[in-house]
Each structure stands twice: as C-alpha cells, then as structure tokens.
Amino acid sequence: MTQSEAPRSARPAVTAELMARTGLDDAMLSRLVHGFYDRVRSDPLLGPIFADRIADWGPHLEKMVDFWSSVALMTGRYHGAPMPKHLPLPVEGEHFDRWLDLFRQTAHEVCPPQGADWVIDRAERIAGSIHMNILDARGHYGRAGLPPQL
C-alpha cells in the first residue's frame, strides 16, 4: 500500500510526521507557492506561457497550494489530474530546467534545508514525469521507449 492509499484515519499521523521531519507546514508551502509563481510570472521564458493560460491567478494559486500540500505533506487536499493540462503546452527541456531553477531558488529561500530538499526532490520527479509524458504524447519515444538524443 502506498502512502496515497493509506487509510484516511492514518493521514493526519503521516502529515504530522512529515511536518516534524521536514519543518514544512501549510503556511510555508503557501509562501513557497506564491513566491515561486511570482518568479514564474516575471520570468521571460516561462511568464508568457502562464500568462496565455491563466487569467485569474487567485484560484490557480489556491489549487497549487493544495497540490503541494498533498505532495509534500500527504494531506490529500488536491483532487485533480495535472497531466492533461500540461500535455498541450508549448514547452521543451529548457522550460523544465528553468521551472526547476526557479523552484529550487524559492524553496531554498523559504524552507528549512530538510524541507527544501524534500520539496525539490518531489518537484524534480514531477517535472521529469510531465516532461517524459509530453515527449511521449508528441511521439518522441520510439519502440524501445527511449527518448531521442537531444
């Protein structure tokens, strides 16, 4: 059984343990999300992609706080399917690299070291998964399932 499949009754204990181990809490994750997206919005590479798709940032930021609360603290607050939203985006490897750079900078500024390491590890896994799925959807994976040499 994965942590996401843990009984609801166990979720508060898992969340409390993660908070104690990482030093993260919901207020810190909110600062992380808001600070990160402030950087994204002003970034010359990423800003236009987001500006073309998000008119009202309030609901998006709330959803992202719930997402990161679920990812980092296993709160179960996020209910959604992020992959379909990302598949049609006009993004390449450089966009993922920049997204991760901005996320790492913000995490190191906002979070204690162990919390920053925790969320950065998850962000790297998420970015890798989304990037791989986008490449797959574009037909960049051959029969061997390997990406082309980029």
Protein backbone atom coordinates (compact mmCIF):
# COMPACT_ATOMS: atom_id res chain seq x y z
CA MET A 1 0.00 0.00 0.00
CA THR A 2 1.38 3.42 -0.95
CA GLN A 3 1.07 6.46 1.26
CA SER A 4 -1.62 7.82 -1.06
CA GLU A 5 -3.60 4.64 -0.42
CA ALA A 6 -3.19 4.88 3.34
CA PRO A 7 -6.48 4.86 5.22
CA ARG A 8 -7.84 8.34 5.83
CA SER A 9 -7.50 7.76 9.57
CA ALA A 10 -3.73 7.39 9.11
CA ARG A 11 -3.36 10.54 7.00
CA PRO A 12 -3.14 13.03 9.92
CA ALA A 13 -0.38 10.97 11.54
CA VAL A 14 1.55 10.76 8.26
CA THR A 15 1.14 14.51 7.74
CA ALA A 16 2.30 15.26 11.30
CA GLU A 17 5.34 13.01 10.87
CA LEU A 18 6.26 14.69 7.57
CA MET A 19 5.85 18.13 9.12
CA ALA A 20 8.13 17.17 12.01
CA ARG A 21 10.73 15.60 9.73
CA THR A 22 10.83 18.38 7.10
CA GLY A 23 9.93 21.51 9.04
CA LEU A 24 7.24 22.24 6.44
CA ASP A 25 3.71 23.37 7.18
CA ASP A 26 0.83 24.79 5.17
CA ALA A 27 1.83 28.41 5.76
CA MET A 28 5.34 27.72 4.50
CA LEU A 29 4.04 25.84 1.46
CA SER A 30 1.76 28.79 0.70
CA ARG A 31 4.76 31.15 0.82
CA LEU A 32 6.68 28.73 -1.40
CA VAL A 33 3.91 28.56 -4.00
CA HIS A 34 3.25 32.31 -4.03
CA GLY A 35 6.95 33.19 -4.16
CA PHE A 36 7.63 30.64 -6.87
CA TYR A 37 4.78 31.81 -9.09
CA ASP A 38 5.82 35.45 -8.58
CA ARG A 39 9.14 34.43 -10.13
CA VAL A 40 7.47 32.40 -12.88
CA ARG A 41 5.19 35.28 -13.85
CA SER A 42 8.11 37.68 -14.25
CA ASP A 43 10.37 35.18 -16.00
CA PRO A 44 10.94 35.97 -19.71
CA LEU A 45 10.87 32.29 -20.71
CA LEU A 46 8.03 30.95 -18.53
CA GLY A 47 5.95 34.05 -17.88
CA PRO A 48 4.33 34.27 -21.34
CA ILE A 49 3.31 30.59 -21.28
CA PHE A 50 1.48 31.07 -18.00
CA ALA A 51 0.07 34.49 -18.95
CA ASP A 52 -1.53 32.99 -22.06
CA ARG A 53 -3.37 30.40 -19.96
CA ILE A 54 -4.13 31.85 -16.53
CA ALA A 55 -6.30 34.93 -16.31
CA ASP A 56 -7.27 34.70 -12.63
CA TRP A 57 -4.28 33.76 -10.51
CA GLY A 58 -6.15 33.52 -7.19
CA PRO A 59 -7.85 30.17 -7.85
CA HIS A 60 -4.75 28.79 -9.56
CA LEU A 61 -2.54 29.63 -6.58
CA GLU A 62 -5.05 28.09 -4.16
CA LYS A 63 -5.06 24.92 -6.25
CA MET A 64 -1.25 24.86 -6.31
CA VAL A 65 -1.06 25.28 -2.53
CA ASP A 66 -3.41 22.30 -2.19
CA PHE A 67 -1.30 20.37 -4.71
CA TRP A 68 1.96 20.99 -2.85
CA SER A 69 0.31 20.28 0.49
CA SER A 70 -0.75 16.91 -0.90
CA VAL A 71 2.64 16.22 -2.47
CA ALA A 72 4.84 17.38 0.40
CA LEU A 73 2.70 16.58 3.43
CA MET A 74 0.32 13.90 2.13
CA THR A 75 -2.72 15.95 3.22
CA GLY A 76 -4.91 14.72 0.39
CA ARG A 77 -6.23 18.21 -0.30
CA TYR A 78 -5.55 18.20 -4.03
CA HIS A 79 -8.01 16.39 -6.26
CA GLY A 80 -7.16 16.77 -9.89
CA ALA A 81 -5.36 15.44 -12.90
CA PRO A 82 -2.42 17.70 -13.77
CA MET A 83 -1.13 15.71 -16.73
CA PRO A 84 -3.90 16.57 -19.26
CA LYS A 85 -3.41 20.28 -18.51
CA HIS A 86 0.29 20.07 -19.29
CA LEU A 87 0.31 17.89 -22.40
CA PRO A 88 -0.67 20.63 -24.90
CA LEU A 89 1.76 23.23 -23.52
CA PRO A 90 4.44 24.56 -25.90
CA VAL A 91 7.31 23.52 -23.64
CA GLU A 92 10.68 21.88 -24.17
CA GLY A 93 13.52 20.77 -21.93
CA GLU A 94 14.71 24.34 -21.38
CA HIS A 95 11.33 25.26 -19.89
CA PHE A 96 11.52 22.41 -17.39
CA ASP A 97 15.08 23.36 -16.49
CA ARG A 98 14.05 26.96 -15.87
CA TRP A 99 10.95 25.88 -13.89
CA LEU A 100 13.16 23.75 -11.66
CA ASP A 101 15.75 26.52 -11.26
CA LEU A 102 13.08 28.94 -10.05
CA PHE A 103 11.51 26.31 -7.80
CA ARG A 104 14.87 25.42 -6.23
CA GLN A 105 15.71 29.10 -5.61
CA THR A 106 12.38 29.71 -3.93
CA ALA A 107 12.47 26.51 -1.87
CA HIS A 108 15.94 27.33 -0.55
CA GLU A 109 14.80 30.85 0.41
CA VAL A 110 11.50 29.85 2.04
CA CYS A 111 12.04 26.41 3.55
CA PRO A 112 14.46 24.96 6.09
CA PRO A 113 17.16 22.83 4.45
CA GLN A 114 15.46 19.48 5.02
CA GLY A 115 12.12 20.88 3.80
CA ALA A 116 13.73 22.42 0.73
CA ASP A 117 15.40 19.11 -0.11
CA TRP A 118 12.07 17.30 0.33
CA VAL A 119 10.03 19.55 -1.97
CA ILE A 120 12.83 19.89 -4.53
CA ASP A 121 13.09 16.12 -4.81
CA ARG A 122 9.36 15.93 -5.47
CA ALA A 123 9.48 18.83 -7.94
CA GLU A 124 12.27 17.12 -9.88
CA ARG A 125 10.28 13.89 -10.06
CA ILE A 126 7.12 15.71 -11.14
CA ALA A 127 8.95 17.75 -13.80
CA GLY A 128 10.62 14.61 -15.13
CA SER A 129 7.33 12.76 -15.30
CA ILE A 130 5.48 15.58 -17.04
CA HIS A 131 8.35 16.13 -19.48
CA MET A 132 8.50 12.42 -20.33
CA ASN A 133 4.73 12.27 -20.85
CA ILE A 134 4.82 15.33 -23.12
CA LEU A 135 7.61 13.78 -25.19
CA ASP A 136 5.65 10.53 -25.38
CA ALA A 137 2.48 12.34 -26.45
CA ARG A 138 4.46 14.06 -29.21
CA GLY A 139 5.76 10.72 -30.44
CA HIS A 140 9.35 11.34 -29.37
CA TYR A 141 9.70 7.87 -27.91
CA GLY A 142 10.43 5.05 -30.29
CA ARG A 143 9.60 1.40 -29.97
CA ALA A 144 12.42 0.94 -27.49
CA GLY A 145 10.77 3.52 -25.23
CA LEU A 146 13.88 5.68 -25.18
CA PRO A 147 13.96 9.41 -25.83
CA PRO A 148 15.92 10.65 -28.81
CA GLN A 149 19.34 12.13 -28.25
CA LEU A 150 18.58 15.77 -27.59
